[in-house]
Amino acid sequence: MTIIEQIRELAKQLTEQERVTVMRELKNTDASLTAQLGEAKVCPHCSSSMIIKHSMFNGRQRSKCKTCGKTFTMLTGTPIHGLKKVSLWQDYC
């Protein structure tokens, strides 16, 4: 069972008011993430602020932490990290 199927099964157990609340929160998260899709400010792995631009991948800026050496995008650690089609985030929900 995929994560999307699991989410759908869990959503069926919610009341109508809970679904409305979840959708409102997801829309807020989506707007917040869209606003933050610029450059990273801190490393999501070690919280260091010593980061540099590293490369571009699929149209997204990747950053590299000078402290821990790991690379990441602004989506790392977010609910949409790992989705191949980020533009379909609302449809997945």
Protein backbone atom coordinates (compact mmCIF):
# COMPACT_ATOMS: atom_id res chain seq x y z
CA MET A 1 0.00 0.00 0.00
CA THR A 2 1.43 3.36 -1.03
CA ILE A 3 1.56 6.37 1.26
CA ILE A 4 -1.22 8.02 -0.75
CA GLU A 5 -3.47 5.00 -0.26
CA GLN A 6 -2.69 5.02 3.46
CA ILE A 7 -3.58 8.70 3.69
CA ARG A 8 -6.87 8.09 1.86
CA GLU A 9 -7.76 5.29 4.28
CA LEU A 10 -7.01 7.49 7.28
CA ALA A 11 -8.99 10.38 5.77
CA LYS A 12 -12.08 8.16 5.57
CA GLN A 13 -12.01 7.87 9.36
CA LEU A 14 -12.16 11.64 9.89
CA THR A 15 -15.31 13.62 10.53
CA GLU A 16 -16.29 16.30 8.02
CA GLN A 17 -15.05 19.06 10.35
CA GLU A 18 -11.71 17.27 10.80
CA ARG A 19 -11.34 16.97 7.00
CA VAL A 20 -11.99 20.70 6.59
CA THR A 21 -9.39 21.47 9.25
CA VAL A 22 -6.82 19.16 7.65
CA MET A 23 -7.38 20.68 4.20
CA ARG A 24 -7.03 24.21 5.63
CA GLU A 25 -3.75 23.25 7.29
CA LEU A 26 -2.46 21.61 4.11
CA LYS A 27 -3.26 24.72 2.09
CA ASN A 28 -1.41 26.85 4.64
CA THR A 29 1.55 24.46 4.45
CA ASP A 30 1.48 24.57 0.65
CA ALA A 31 1.47 28.39 0.62
CA SER A 32 4.26 28.49 3.19
CA LEU A 33 6.40 26.03 1.23
CA THR A 34 5.83 27.88 -2.01
CA ALA A 35 6.99 31.10 -0.36
CA GLN A 36 10.12 29.35 0.96
CA LEU A 37 11.22 27.68 -2.26
CA GLY A 38 14.05 30.15 -2.69
CA GLU A 39 17.42 29.38 -1.16
CA ALA A 40 17.91 27.43 2.03
CA LYS A 41 18.87 29.37 5.16
CA VAL A 42 20.02 26.50 7.41
CA CYS A 43 20.94 22.86 6.95
CA PRO A 44 17.98 20.56 7.78
CA HIS A 45 20.42 17.87 8.93
CA CYS A 46 22.67 19.74 11.37
CA SER A 47 21.09 23.24 11.56
CA SER A 48 24.31 24.93 10.46
CA SER A 49 24.00 28.23 8.64
CA MET A 50 27.22 27.60 6.69
CA ILE A 51 25.64 26.54 3.39
CA ILE A 52 26.50 27.17 -0.24
CA LYS A 53 24.71 26.76 -3.55
CA HIS A 54 25.63 23.33 -4.88
CA SER A 55 23.78 22.54 -8.12
CA MET A 56 20.42 22.54 -9.83
CA PHE A 57 18.30 19.39 -10.10
CA ASN A 58 14.91 19.23 -11.81
CA GLY A 59 14.74 23.02 -11.75
CA ARG A 60 15.36 23.24 -7.99
CA GLN A 61 18.38 24.76 -6.32
CA ARG A 62 20.37 22.26 -4.28
CA SER A 63 22.48 23.48 -1.38
CA LYS A 64 25.43 21.91 0.39
CA CYS A 65 26.28 22.24 4.06
CA LYS A 66 29.91 23.13 4.70
CA THR A 67 29.66 21.64 8.20
CA CYS A 68 28.23 18.16 7.60
CA GLY A 69 28.76 17.94 3.82
CA LYS A 70 25.21 16.83 3.03
CA THR A 71 23.20 18.25 0.14
CA PHE A 72 19.54 19.19 0.24
CA THR A 73 16.77 21.30 -1.29
CA MET A 74 14.14 23.44 0.38
CA LEU A 75 11.80 20.44 0.20
CA THR A 76 14.03 18.22 2.33
CA GLY A 77 12.21 17.31 5.53
CA THR A 78 8.82 18.57 4.32
CA PRO A 79 5.67 16.55 3.59
CA ILE A 80 6.29 16.88 -0.14
CA HIS A 81 9.91 15.71 -0.04
CA GLY A 82 10.26 12.75 -2.38
CA LEU A 83 7.21 13.50 -4.50
CA LYS A 84 8.05 13.39 -8.18
CA LYS A 85 5.27 15.79 -9.16
CA VAL A 86 5.18 18.50 -6.51
CA SER A 87 2.67 20.48 -8.58
CA LEU A 88 0.12 17.70 -7.88
CA TRP A 89 0.45 18.05 -4.08
CA GLN A 90 -3.12 19.30 -3.68
CA ASP A 91 -4.44 16.46 -5.84
CA TYR A 92 -2.62 13.90 -3.70
CA CYS A 93 -4.36 15.28 -0.64
